[in-house]
Amino acid sequence: MSSAQIWAALQQSAMVGVDRLPLPQIFTQGADGTAPASQQALQTALAVSVGAGTGQAAALQLLRASGVAAVLERAGWLAGQGRSQTLAPLAPAPAPVPAETRPAPESPHLQALMREVLRDGAQDLLAPMFAALDGAGQRLPHGLLAQALEQGRQSVALRHWLTPVLGERGRWLAALNPQWSYAGGVEETADPEQVWQEGSIDQRLALLHGERRSGPAQARARLEASLKELSAKERAPMVMTLETGLSMADEPLLEKLLGDRSKEVRENAARLLSRLPQSGHSQRITGWLQAMLSRNAKGEWQIEPPEEGSKDWERDGIALQPPAYIKGVKAWWLQQMVGQAPVAFWIDTLGMTPEQLWEWSRRSDWKTALRQGWLAALRDQHDVRWIALLQTMDRDARVESLLPALLNQLSQEQREALWQAQLQQAKGTLIERINAIESGMPAVGEFSLSMSERLMDELDKALGGKQVTGSWHSWQADQALLACARRLHAAVLPRLARLWRKPSATAADLDSATDSAGGIALTPEQQARLERARLRPWDDERVLAQLNRCVDLRVALHAALSD
């Protein structure tokens, strides 16, 4: 029987069905060392499939073996002449994908835009895109899952927004690739006990957060019962779930965790206890600080750390030995204590507003320690009384990281009242005011319709006419306009896009805008400055592409998800 005849017979069996037309006997006798490599590959793979005891039908065994042989041939597999060949047993097929519980957007246009954003990895668009899908109860289309999982692998911060919209197939895929294991887990419909036992770390954190909202005691008991089984890497973020619904009922567990073997767990427990002014931890810290405070002859408050540290401090997270980069051990002790004390202690004890406290620290020998400590405390204690002071601190990276969480404690109306005030103030250019507002916003969020229209009016005045108001030829200007594209209400975006999608100005229009008063001709340098002053952010092709992509994506999301 020639090779051509053998393969023709195999093809017929595959087409008709091996149950009706059995395979040629040559394929069931094991590998023939003298046969062509492709034939040996199929013989070997089929023998492994049959010998593995899978109990599968002969037709399925043939299909699987053919697939293995095809891959071996494409990979350049060489059969050993005159010696037996062995292959590892075929891996069991993965479990079927559970049925999806969420729909996916059907718009081909939207899917194409989402694919482009995923391909380019635009982080400032990915989180809002995932959040919009989640808010509408939808998931990512199957064709975008691999790209999305890869983006999540590269960005830990993105996973919070990504994992809820992966759907069942996304979790199924994640379980098959170790690099995507962060997104694996059980089905969305699984019961809480199964999620806790088998779910991913993100799923278990979500479960604890949910239980803390509905039944804080239940979540606390679940966490406490599992502490010994959890690694330090798991315990640290799980302890922070207690911030949801935090109360004095959590104090015994948090006090216990102050002695945990993990430094990060101990720090997280101290951070949470500092939010409870009546906790033993807070009382001890404020007691030590109270002993450092006194009034001078003029009745003014002053503070002086002790000359020696106390071993009692260490259990409450006060390190006695400063890091190498810290100069001054007393300042180091004070900074740590201020960072762990309730910020309300200072307002209540000294009778000062945050602005007055800041000024008071300026006159102290311990200004840096006090200010660093207050900013550290505000990271966990979102006291909105400090917002006005923080907004006066320009170009301070520490403050920029604090403002979003503090502003999030306010209602939408309260936040936008502050932003409206920033827009109306004379201080700074419109570009600077927009960037200041953007720096205080969270990763995901947009303006209300009224706020968006108010801001759009300002943009129209500055950029909508034949002449530009202000200088819009800078990186800061680019960022301000891109921030507007991300934050404006979707209903206002067509109006924003008209700024750059309207017909370009003619040469006559440009000539009429030149400074020709008195018929004075401009020097080349003056002409060059004038040309630069006319430039808008979208005159840069890169910025124009970003603007169009952002606007198109958000408009498409709004249209598809608001139906």
Protein backbone atom coordinates (compact mmCIF):
# COMPACT_ATOMS: atom_id res chain seq x y z
CA MET A 1 0.00 0.00 0.00
CA SER A 2 1.60 3.23 -1.15
CA SER A 3 1.80 6.38 1.00
CA ALA A 4 -0.78 8.10 -1.21
CA GLN A 5 -3.17 5.18 -0.77
CA ILE A 6 -2.69 5.19 2.98
CA TRP A 7 -3.52 8.88 3.27
CA ALA A 8 -6.49 8.54 0.92
CA ALA A 9 -7.91 5.75 3.08
CA LEU A 10 -7.34 7.87 6.21
CA GLN A 11 -9.14 10.80 4.62
CA GLN A 12 -12.12 8.61 3.72
CA SER A 13 -12.39 7.27 7.28
CA ALA A 14 -12.26 10.79 8.66
CA MET A 15 -14.97 12.00 6.28
CA VAL A 16 -17.33 9.03 6.59
CA GLY A 17 -16.63 8.33 10.26
CA VAL A 18 -14.32 5.77 11.78
CA ASP A 19 -17.24 3.93 13.31
CA ARG A 20 -18.57 3.20 9.80
CA LEU A 21 -15.24 2.91 7.98
CA PRO A 22 -12.45 1.78 10.35
CA LEU A 23 -8.97 3.22 10.07
CA PRO A 24 -6.45 1.38 7.96
CA GLN A 25 -4.73 -1.21 10.12
CA ILE A 26 -1.35 0.39 9.51
CA PHE A 27 -2.34 3.26 11.78
CA THR A 28 -3.26 1.06 14.73
CA GLN A 29 -0.06 -1.01 14.86
CA GLY A 30 2.21 1.62 16.35
CA ALA A 31 4.93 3.74 14.76
CA ASP A 32 6.76 2.36 11.73
CA GLY A 33 10.37 3.53 11.89
CA THR A 34 10.72 3.28 8.11
CA ALA A 35 7.63 5.39 7.33
CA PRO A 36 7.71 9.13 6.51
CA ALA A 37 7.97 11.42 9.53
CA SER A 38 4.41 12.76 9.16
CA GLN A 39 3.00 9.23 9.12
CA GLN A 40 5.05 8.23 12.15
CA ALA A 41 3.84 11.35 13.97
CA LEU A 42 0.20 10.40 13.41
CA GLN A 43 0.81 6.75 14.31
CA THR A 44 2.60 7.74 17.53
CA ALA A 45 0.01 10.36 18.51
CA LEU A 46 -2.87 7.99 17.81
CA ALA A 47 -1.23 5.24 19.86
CA VAL A 48 -0.80 7.61 22.80
CA SER A 49 -4.42 8.79 22.49
CA VAL A 50 -5.74 5.24 22.49
CA GLY A 51 -3.32 4.03 25.15
CA ALA A 52 -4.07 6.89 27.52
CA GLY A 53 -7.34 5.30 28.45
CA THR A 54 -9.33 8.41 27.73
CA GLY A 55 -12.48 6.43 26.91
CA GLN A 56 -13.15 8.83 24.03
CA ALA A 57 -14.81 7.72 20.80
CA ALA A 58 -12.52 6.60 17.99
CA ALA A 59 -13.52 9.62 15.92
CA LEU A 60 -12.44 12.03 18.66
CA GLN A 61 -9.18 10.12 19.11
CA LEU A 62 -8.49 10.44 15.40
CA LEU A 63 -9.16 14.18 15.40
CA ARG A 64 -6.97 14.79 18.43
CA ALA A 65 -4.16 12.65 17.06
CA SER A 66 -4.36 14.41 13.70
CA GLY A 67 -4.06 17.75 15.46
CA VAL A 68 -1.00 16.59 17.38
CA ALA A 69 0.60 15.22 14.22
CA ALA A 70 -0.05 18.46 12.33
CA VAL A 71 1.63 20.49 15.05
CA LEU A 72 4.59 18.11 15.17
CA GLU A 73 5.04 18.32 11.42
CA ARG A 74 4.84 22.13 11.37
CA ALA A 75 7.36 22.31 14.20
CA GLY A 76 9.84 20.24 12.19
CA TRP A 77 9.55 17.01 14.17
CA LEU A 78 11.97 14.35 12.92
CA ALA A 79 11.18 10.67 13.33
CA GLY A 80 14.00 8.46 14.60
CA GLN A 81 15.02 5.93 11.97
CA GLY A 82 14.65 2.40 13.25
CA ARG A 83 13.86 3.30 16.85
CA SER A 84 10.59 3.65 18.71
CA GLN A 85 9.13 7.07 19.29
CA THR A 86 7.43 8.19 22.47
CA LEU A 87 5.24 11.17 23.17
CA ALA A 88 4.03 12.45 26.49
CA PRO A 89 0.42 11.51 27.18
CA LEU A 90 -2.05 14.01 25.83
CA ALA A 91 -3.11 16.55 28.42
CA PRO A 92 -6.75 16.35 29.41
CA ALA A 93 -8.98 18.85 27.69
CA PRO A 94 -9.81 21.90 29.83
CA ALA A 95 -13.23 22.12 31.39
CA PRO A 96 -15.92 23.71 29.22
CA VAL A 97 -16.38 27.45 29.49
CA PRO A 98 -19.31 28.34 31.78
CA ALA A 99 -22.17 30.25 30.23
CA GLU A 100 -21.75 34.02 30.23
CA THR A 101 -23.87 35.97 32.69
CA ARG A 102 -23.33 39.37 31.06
CA PRO A 103 -23.87 40.54 27.49
CA ALA A 104 -21.13 42.20 25.42
CA PRO A 105 -21.48 45.30 23.23
CA GLU A 106 -22.47 44.26 19.73
CA SER A 107 -21.45 47.42 17.86
CA PRO A 108 -18.62 46.56 15.40
CA HIS A 109 -17.56 50.22 15.45
CA LEU A 110 -17.23 50.23 19.24
CA GLN A 111 -15.38 46.92 19.23
CA ALA A 112 -12.90 48.28 16.68
CA LEU A 113 -12.27 51.35 18.85
CA MET A 114 -11.83 49.22 21.95
CA ARG A 115 -9.37 46.98 20.11
CA GLU A 116 -7.32 50.01 19.07
CA VAL A 117 -7.17 51.35 22.63
CA LEU A 118 -6.15 47.93 23.95
CA ARG A 119 -3.49 47.57 21.29
CA ASP A 120 -1.93 50.94 22.10
CA GLY A 121 -2.24 50.44 25.87
CA ALA A 122 -3.63 53.91 26.60
CA GLN A 123 -3.92 53.58 30.40
CA ASP A 124 -5.91 56.79 30.80
CA LEU A 125 -8.61 55.36 28.53
CA LEU A 126 -8.56 51.69 29.55
CA ALA A 127 -9.74 52.14 33.14
CA PRO A 128 -12.70 54.41 32.17
CA MET A 129 -13.58 52.03 29.32
CA PHE A 130 -13.69 49.01 31.64
CA ALA A 131 -15.59 51.02 34.27
CA ALA A 132 -18.20 52.06 31.69
CA LEU A 133 -18.75 48.43 30.69
CA ASP A 134 -19.03 47.33 34.30
CA GLY A 135 -21.43 50.16 35.14
CA ALA A 136 -23.71 49.04 32.31
CA GLY A 137 -23.55 45.39 33.44
CA GLN A 138 -21.66 44.31 30.33
CA ARG A 139 -18.38 42.54 29.62
CA LEU A 140 -15.59 42.59 27.07
CA PRO A 141 -16.22 40.84 23.74
CA HIS A 142 -14.42 37.51 23.46
CA GLY A 143 -12.15 38.73 20.69
CA LEU A 144 -10.59 41.35 22.98
CA LEU A 145 -9.90 39.16 25.99
CA ALA A 146 -6.31 38.18 25.17
CA GLN A 147 -5.30 41.82 24.66
CA ALA A 148 -7.09 42.91 27.83
CA LEU A 149 -5.51 40.16 29.95
CA GLU A 150 -2.10 41.13 28.65
CA GLN A 151 -2.72 44.77 29.60
CA GLY A 152 -3.72 43.63 33.09
CA ARG A 153 -0.53 41.60 33.34
CA GLN A 154 1.50 44.74 32.69
CA SER A 155 -0.49 47.08 34.97
CA VAL A 156 -1.49 46.04 38.49
CA ALA A 157 -3.51 49.25 38.93
CA LEU A 158 -5.65 48.38 35.90
CA ARG A 159 -6.79 45.02 37.29
CA HIS A 160 -9.33 46.59 39.64
CA TRP A 161 -11.30 47.80 36.61
CA LEU A 162 -10.52 44.90 34.29
CA THR A 163 -11.43 41.80 36.29
CA PRO A 164 -15.18 42.56 36.63
CA VAL A 165 -15.63 42.76 32.84
CA LEU A 166 -13.66 39.67 31.79
CA GLY A 167 -16.71 37.44 31.93
CA GLU A 168 -16.61 33.68 32.30
CA ARG A 169 -14.46 33.10 29.21
CA GLY A 170 -11.94 35.67 30.42
CA ARG A 171 -11.53 33.84 33.73
CA TRP A 172 -11.36 30.55 31.85
CA LEU A 173 -8.57 31.87 29.62
CA ALA A 174 -6.72 33.35 32.59
CA ALA A 175 -6.65 29.94 34.27
CA LEU A 176 -4.86 28.47 31.23
CA ASN A 177 -1.97 30.96 31.24
CA PRO A 178 0.21 31.35 34.36
CA GLN A 179 1.00 34.95 33.37
CA TRP A 180 -2.72 35.77 33.59
CA SER A 181 -3.34 33.94 36.85
CA TYR A 182 -4.20 37.25 38.55
CA ALA A 183 -7.59 37.14 36.77
CA GLY A 184 -8.44 33.47 37.24
CA GLY A 185 -11.16 32.33 39.58
CA VAL A 186 -14.50 30.65 39.92
CA GLU A 187 -17.72 31.53 38.14
CA GLU A 188 -19.56 34.74 38.92
CA THR A 189 -22.52 32.67 40.05
CA ALA A 190 -20.51 30.61 42.56
CA ASP A 191 -21.60 30.71 46.20
CA PRO A 192 -19.53 32.73 48.69
CA GLU A 193 -17.88 29.70 50.27
CA GLN A 194 -16.67 28.45 46.88
CA VAL A 195 -15.37 31.92 46.00
CA TRP A 196 -13.48 32.07 49.30
CA GLN A 197 -11.96 28.62 48.89
CA GLU A 198 -11.27 28.58 45.14
CA GLY A 199 -11.47 32.16 43.87
CA SER A 200 -8.60 34.41 42.87
CA ILE A 201 -7.22 36.98 45.30
CA ASP A 202 -9.22 39.70 43.55
CA GLN A 203 -12.43 37.68 43.83
CA ARG A 204 -11.87 37.03 47.53
CA LEU A 205 -11.12 40.70 48.15
CA ALA A 206 -14.33 41.62 46.32
CA LEU A 207 -16.22 39.10 48.44
CA LEU A 208 -14.88 40.62 51.67
CA HIS A 209 -15.67 44.15 50.53
CA GLY A 210 -19.22 43.09 49.65
CA GLU A 211 -19.74 41.32 52.96
CA ARG A 212 -18.32 44.29 54.87
CA ARG A 213 -20.99 46.49 53.29
CA SER A 214 -23.84 44.14 54.21
CA GLY A 215 -22.54 42.31 57.28
CA PRO A 216 -19.23 43.60 58.72
CA ALA A 217 -19.12 41.02 61.49
CA GLN A 218 -19.49 38.12 59.05
CA ALA A 219 -16.61 39.35 56.90
CA ARG A 220 -14.42 39.99 59.92
CA ALA A 221 -15.08 36.48 61.26
CA ARG A 222 -14.29 34.96 57.84
CA LEU A 223 -11.01 36.83 57.66
CA GLU A 224 -9.98 36.09 61.24
CA ALA A 225 -10.68 32.37 60.84
CA SER A 226 -8.43 32.19 57.76
CA LEU A 227 -5.48 34.33 58.90
CA LYS A 228 -3.25 31.37 59.74
CA GLU A 229 -3.80 29.86 56.27
CA LEU A 230 -3.12 33.06 54.33
CA SER A 231 0.31 34.18 53.18
CA ALA A 232 1.58 37.65 54.08
CA LYS A 233 1.00 38.70 50.48
CA GLU A 234 -2.68 37.80 50.91
CA ARG A 235 -3.14 39.02 54.48
CA ALA A 236 -2.00 42.58 53.82
CA PRO A 237 -4.68 43.56 51.27
CA MET A 238 -7.35 41.52 53.04
CA VAL A 239 -6.76 43.41 56.29
CA MET A 240 -7.42 46.65 54.40
CA THR A 241 -10.91 45.42 53.45
CA LEU A 242 -11.85 46.19 57.06
CA GLU A 243 -11.83 49.89 56.11
CA THR A 244 -15.28 49.26 54.62
CA GLY A 245 -17.65 49.68 57.54
CA LEU A 246 -14.76 50.17 59.98
CA SER A 247 -15.89 50.45 63.61
CA MET A 248 -14.70 49.86 67.14
CA ALA A 249 -15.93 46.28 66.79
CA ASP A 250 -12.88 45.71 64.57
CA GLU A 251 -10.42 46.97 67.20
CA PRO A 252 -9.65 43.60 68.90
CA LEU A 253 -8.66 41.99 65.60
CA LEU A 254 -6.62 45.01 64.50
CA GLU A 255 -4.85 45.19 67.88
CA LYS A 256 -3.96 41.54 67.45
CA LEU A 257 -2.57 42.24 63.98
CA LEU A 258 -0.21 44.88 65.38
CA GLY A 259 1.89 41.87 66.39
CA ASP A 260 1.69 40.10 63.01
CA ARG A 261 4.96 38.73 61.62
CA SER A 262 4.48 40.71 58.40
CA LYS A 263 5.60 44.37 58.49
CA GLU A 264 3.01 45.35 55.85
CA VAL A 265 0.19 43.73 57.82
CA ARG A 266 1.28 45.56 60.98
CA GLU A 267 1.39 48.87 59.13
CA ASN A 268 -2.06 48.30 57.62
CA ALA A 269 -3.52 47.47 61.02
CA ALA A 270 -2.02 50.67 62.48
CA ARG A 271 -3.38 52.71 59.55
CA LEU A 272 -6.90 51.44 60.24
CA LEU A 273 -6.65 51.95 63.99
CA SER A 274 -5.62 55.57 63.42
CA ARG A 275 -9.07 56.11 61.85
CA LEU A 276 -10.64 55.13 65.16
CA PRO A 277 -9.93 58.00 67.59
CA GLN A 278 -11.27 55.95 70.53
CA SER A 279 -9.06 52.92 69.83
CA GLY A 280 -6.33 52.04 72.29
CA HIS A 281 -3.74 52.58 69.55
CA SER A 282 -4.93 56.14 68.82
CA GLN A 283 -5.18 56.95 72.52
CA ARG A 284 -1.61 55.81 73.11
CA ILE A 285 -0.27 57.80 70.15
CA THR A 286 -2.12 61.00 71.09
CA GLY A 287 -1.07 60.56 74.70
CA TRP A 288 2.60 60.55 73.70
CA LEU A 289 2.03 63.62 71.50
CA GLN A 290 0.12 65.41 74.25
CA ALA A 291 3.14 65.03 76.50
CA MET A 292 5.29 66.78 73.88
CA LEU A 293 2.97 69.82 73.67
CA SER A 294 3.20 72.84 75.91
CA ARG A 295 2.61 76.60 75.89
CA ASN A 296 5.35 79.20 76.02
CA ALA A 297 5.33 82.43 78.01
CA LYS A 298 3.15 84.08 75.39
CA GLY A 299 0.59 81.28 75.58
CA GLU A 300 1.56 79.93 72.16
CA TRP A 301 1.62 76.22 71.51
CA GLN A 302 4.98 74.56 71.00
CA ILE A 303 6.09 70.94 70.58
CA GLU A 304 9.31 69.18 71.56
CA PRO A 305 9.98 65.44 71.09
CA PRO A 306 11.64 63.56 73.98
CA GLU A 307 15.37 62.99 74.12
CA GLU A 308 14.98 59.23 74.34
CA GLY A 309 12.65 56.80 72.65
CA SER A 310 10.56 54.15 74.40
CA LYS A 311 10.35 50.45 73.65
CA ASP A 312 6.59 50.77 74.18
CA TRP A 313 6.38 52.70 70.91
CA GLU A 314 7.51 49.81 68.73
CA ARG A 315 4.37 47.69 69.04
CA ASP A 316 2.33 50.64 67.77
CA GLY A 317 4.49 50.93 64.68
CA ILE A 318 6.93 53.63 65.78
CA ALA A 319 10.40 52.55 64.60
CA LEU A 320 13.12 53.74 66.97
CA GLN A 321 15.91 53.56 64.39
CA PRO A 322 15.44 55.86 61.37
CA PRO A 323 16.35 54.83 57.81
CA ALA A 324 19.74 55.93 56.50
CA TYR A 325 18.21 58.75 54.46
CA ILE A 326 16.53 60.35 57.51
CA LYS A 327 18.57 62.86 59.47
CA GLY A 328 17.50 63.48 63.06
CA VAL A 329 16.10 60.67 65.16
CA LYS A 330 13.78 62.95 67.17
CA ALA A 331 12.24 64.34 64.00
CA TRP A 332 11.79 60.76 62.79
CA TRP A 333 9.89 59.76 65.94
CA LEU A 334 7.68 62.84 65.71
CA GLN A 335 6.90 62.35 62.03
CA GLN A 336 5.82 58.74 62.61
CA MET A 337 3.58 59.64 65.54
CA VAL A 338 1.93 62.52 63.71
CA GLY A 339 1.37 60.19 60.75
CA GLN A 340 -0.48 57.69 62.95
CA ALA A 341 -2.42 60.10 65.14
CA PRO A 342 -5.99 61.07 64.23
CA VAL A 343 -5.69 64.39 62.35
CA ALA A 344 -8.69 65.67 64.30
CA PHE A 345 -6.49 65.58 67.43
CA TRP A 346 -4.59 68.64 66.24
CA ILE A 347 -7.65 70.67 65.36
CA ASP A 348 -9.40 69.77 68.61
CA THR A 349 -6.39 70.12 70.92
CA LEU A 350 -4.79 73.24 69.49
CA GLY A 351 -8.06 74.88 68.41
CA MET A 352 -6.69 75.66 64.95
CA THR A 353 -7.91 75.20 61.39
CA PRO A 354 -5.71 73.22 58.96
CA GLU A 355 -4.50 76.53 57.49
CA GLN A 356 -3.54 77.79 60.96
CA LEU A 357 -1.83 74.50 61.78
CA TRP A 358 0.25 74.77 58.62
CA GLU A 359 1.29 78.30 59.56
CA TRP A 360 2.00 77.23 63.15
CA SER A 361 4.33 74.50 61.91
CA ARG A 362 6.26 77.11 59.90
CA ARG A 363 7.32 78.75 63.14
CA SER A 364 8.36 75.44 64.72
CA ASP A 365 11.77 73.75 64.69
CA TRP A 366 9.91 70.59 63.64
CA LYS A 367 8.10 72.00 60.59
CA THR A 368 9.10 69.22 58.17
CA ALA A 369 8.28 66.39 60.59
CA LEU A 370 4.85 67.88 61.37
CA ARG A 371 3.92 68.52 57.76
CA GLN A 372 5.16 65.16 56.51
CA GLY A 373 3.24 63.47 59.31
CA TRP A 374 -0.02 65.30 58.55
CA LEU A 375 0.19 64.40 54.87
CA ALA A 376 0.87 60.77 55.78
CA ALA A 377 -2.13 60.74 58.12
CA LEU A 378 -4.40 62.20 55.44
CA ARG A 379 -3.57 59.26 53.18
CA ASP A 380 -5.82 57.13 55.39
CA GLN A 381 -7.94 59.69 57.25
CA HIS A 382 -9.95 61.51 54.62
CA ASP A 383 -10.71 64.67 56.59
CA VAL A 384 -12.37 67.04 54.11
CA ARG A 385 -11.47 70.06 56.26
CA TRP A 386 -7.98 69.90 54.74
CA ILE A 387 -9.11 70.16 51.09
CA ALA A 388 -8.98 73.95 50.88
CA LEU A 389 -5.43 74.03 52.24
CA LEU A 390 -4.22 71.26 49.93
CA GLN A 391 -5.65 73.00 46.88
CA THR A 392 -3.36 75.96 47.54
CA MET A 393 -0.23 73.78 47.27
CA ASP A 394 0.75 73.95 43.62
CA ARG A 395 2.91 71.28 42.00
CA ASP A 396 3.18 69.10 45.08
CA ALA A 397 3.11 65.43 44.10
CA ARG A 398 2.17 64.28 47.62
CA VAL A 399 -0.85 66.57 47.64
CA GLU A 400 -1.92 65.52 44.15
CA SER A 401 -2.06 61.92 45.35
CA LEU A 402 -4.20 62.86 48.37
CA LEU A 403 -6.83 65.11 46.80
CA PRO A 404 -8.80 62.49 44.80
CA ALA A 405 -9.57 60.43 47.92
CA LEU A 406 -10.48 63.52 49.96
CA LEU A 407 -12.70 64.94 47.21
CA ASN A 408 -14.38 61.55 46.90
CA GLN A 409 -15.79 62.06 50.39
CA LEU A 410 -17.86 64.95 49.02
CA SER A 411 -21.00 64.70 46.94
CA GLN A 412 -20.83 65.34 43.21
CA GLU A 413 -22.39 68.76 43.76
CA GLN A 414 -19.87 69.70 46.46
CA ARG A 415 -16.92 68.61 44.35
CA GLU A 416 -18.11 70.52 41.33
CA ALA A 417 -18.76 73.63 43.40
CA LEU A 418 -15.05 73.61 44.25
CA TRP A 419 -14.11 73.03 40.62
CA GLN A 420 -16.43 75.80 39.45
CA ALA A 421 -14.71 78.13 41.89
CA GLN A 422 -11.33 77.13 40.47
CA LEU A 423 -12.53 77.89 36.95
CA GLN A 424 -13.82 81.31 37.95
CA GLN A 425 -10.79 82.42 39.94
CA ALA A 426 -8.39 84.86 38.33
CA LYS A 427 -5.36 82.91 39.50
CA GLY A 428 -3.54 81.11 36.68
CA THR A 429 -4.47 80.52 33.06
CA LEU A 430 -7.36 78.35 31.91
CA ILE A 431 -4.83 75.63 31.09
CA GLU A 432 -3.43 75.72 34.63
CA ARG A 433 -6.90 75.68 36.17
CA ILE A 434 -8.00 72.68 34.08
CA ASN A 435 -4.84 70.74 34.96
CA ALA A 436 -5.31 71.60 38.66
CA ILE A 437 -8.85 70.19 38.56
CA GLU A 438 -7.66 67.08 36.71
CA SER A 439 -4.95 66.43 39.31
CA GLY A 440 -7.63 66.17 42.00
CA MET A 441 -9.80 63.66 40.15
CA PRO A 442 -9.75 59.86 40.49
CA ALA A 443 -8.73 57.57 37.63
CA VAL A 444 -12.37 57.11 36.64
CA GLY A 445 -14.99 59.83 36.67
CA GLU A 446 -16.52 62.56 34.54
CA PHE A 447 -18.10 65.97 35.04
CA SER A 448 -21.84 66.51 35.24
CA LEU A 449 -23.60 67.93 32.21
CA SER A 450 -23.85 71.42 33.73
CA MET A 451 -20.18 71.46 34.75
CA SER A 452 -19.19 70.19 31.30
CA GLU A 453 -21.16 72.91 29.54
CA ARG A 454 -19.60 75.55 31.79
CA LEU A 455 -16.11 74.32 30.98
CA MET A 456 -16.95 74.02 27.28
CA ASP A 457 -17.99 77.68 27.27
CA GLU A 458 -14.52 78.58 28.53
CA LEU A 459 -12.88 76.43 25.85
CA ASP A 460 -14.98 78.03 23.14
CA LYS A 461 -13.88 81.48 24.26
CA ALA A 462 -10.23 80.46 24.27
CA LEU A 463 -10.07 78.28 21.17
CA GLY A 464 -13.25 78.67 19.17
CA GLY A 465 -12.48 81.99 17.45
CA LYS A 466 -10.08 83.02 14.73
CA GLN A 467 -7.55 84.03 17.35
CA VAL A 468 -6.43 81.99 20.33
CA THR A 469 -6.82 83.43 23.82
CA GLY A 470 -3.68 82.52 25.67
CA SER A 471 -0.82 80.27 24.63
CA TRP A 472 -1.99 76.77 23.71
CA HIS A 473 1.31 75.60 22.25
CA SER A 474 2.78 73.58 25.13
CA TRP A 475 2.73 70.15 26.74
CA GLN A 476 0.55 71.54 29.55
CA ALA A 477 -2.00 72.76 26.98
CA ASP A 478 -2.05 69.33 25.33
CA GLN A 479 -2.71 67.67 28.69
CA ALA A 480 -5.48 70.13 29.55
CA LEU A 481 -7.39 69.50 26.34
CA LEU A 482 -6.90 65.72 26.59
CA ALA A 483 -8.22 65.90 30.16
CA CYS A 484 -11.34 67.62 28.83
CA ALA A 485 -11.79 64.86 26.25
CA ARG A 486 -11.69 62.28 29.07
CA ARG A 487 -13.78 64.14 31.64
CA LEU A 488 -16.50 66.10 29.83
CA HIS A 489 -19.97 64.60 29.82
CA ALA A 490 -20.49 62.45 26.71
CA ALA A 491 -23.31 64.73 25.51
CA VAL A 492 -20.85 67.64 25.27
CA LEU A 493 -18.14 65.75 23.36
CA PRO A 494 -19.51 66.54 19.85
CA ARG A 495 -19.26 70.20 20.74
CA LEU A 496 -15.67 69.72 21.91
CA ALA A 497 -14.75 67.87 18.72
CA ARG A 498 -16.04 70.74 16.58
CA LEU A 499 -13.08 72.78 17.81
CA TRP A 500 -10.75 70.78 15.58
CA ARG A 501 -13.14 69.16 13.12
CA LYS A 502 -14.51 72.41 11.72
CA PRO A 503 -13.09 73.63 8.37
CA SER A 504 -9.60 75.05 8.73
CA ALA A 505 -9.06 78.78 8.46
CA THR A 506 -8.19 80.19 5.04
CA ALA A 507 -5.05 82.15 4.30
CA ALA A 508 -7.13 85.32 4.14
CA ASP A 509 -8.48 84.63 7.61
CA LEU A 510 -4.98 84.15 8.94
CA ASP A 511 -3.72 87.32 7.26
CA SER A 512 -6.53 89.33 8.79
CA ALA A 513 -5.49 88.14 12.23
CA THR A 514 -1.94 89.45 11.92
CA ASP A 515 -0.78 92.51 13.73
CA SER A 516 -0.74 94.97 10.85
CA ALA A 517 -1.68 98.14 12.73
CA GLY A 518 -0.25 101.19 10.95
CA GLY A 519 0.97 99.00 8.11
CA ILE A 520 4.04 97.95 10.11
CA ALA A 521 5.67 94.85 8.63
CA LEU A 522 6.60 92.09 11.07
CA THR A 523 10.16 90.87 11.44
CA PRO A 524 10.83 87.16 10.81
CA GLU A 525 11.15 86.61 14.56
CA GLN A 526 7.85 88.39 15.23
CA GLN A 527 6.16 86.43 12.47
CA ALA A 528 7.47 83.16 13.92
CA ARG A 529 6.16 84.05 17.39
CA LEU A 530 2.80 84.94 15.88
CA GLU A 531 2.61 81.63 14.06
CA ARG A 532 3.40 79.74 17.27
CA ALA A 533 0.73 81.72 19.11
CA ARG A 534 -1.83 80.55 16.55
CA LEU A 535 -1.06 76.89 17.18
CA ARG A 536 -3.65 74.72 18.91
CA PRO A 537 -2.94 71.34 20.53
CA TRP A 538 -4.56 69.49 17.61
CA ASP A 539 -2.03 70.96 15.20
CA ASP A 540 0.23 68.21 16.52
CA GLU A 541 -0.77 65.01 14.68
CA ARG A 542 -0.02 62.85 17.72
CA VAL A 543 -2.29 64.92 19.98
CA LEU A 544 -4.97 65.05 17.28
CA ALA A 545 -4.98 61.25 17.06
CA GLN A 546 -5.34 60.97 20.84
CA LEU A 547 -8.18 63.48 20.91
CA ASN A 548 -10.10 61.74 18.13
CA ARG A 549 -9.61 58.30 19.66
CA CYS A 550 -10.77 59.46 23.10
CA VAL A 551 -13.84 61.31 21.81
CA ASP A 552 -14.85 58.55 19.38
CA LEU A 553 -14.49 55.84 22.01
CA ARG A 554 -16.48 57.70 24.66
CA VAL A 555 -19.26 58.69 22.25
CA ALA A 556 -19.51 55.09 21.01
CA LEU A 557 -19.57 53.73 24.57
CA HIS A 558 -22.29 56.20 25.53
CA ALA A 559 -24.39 55.27 22.50
CA ALA A 560 -23.99 51.51 22.98
CA LEU A 561 -24.36 51.33 26.76
CA SER A 562 -27.11 53.86 27.35
CA ASP A 563 -29.73 52.05 25.23
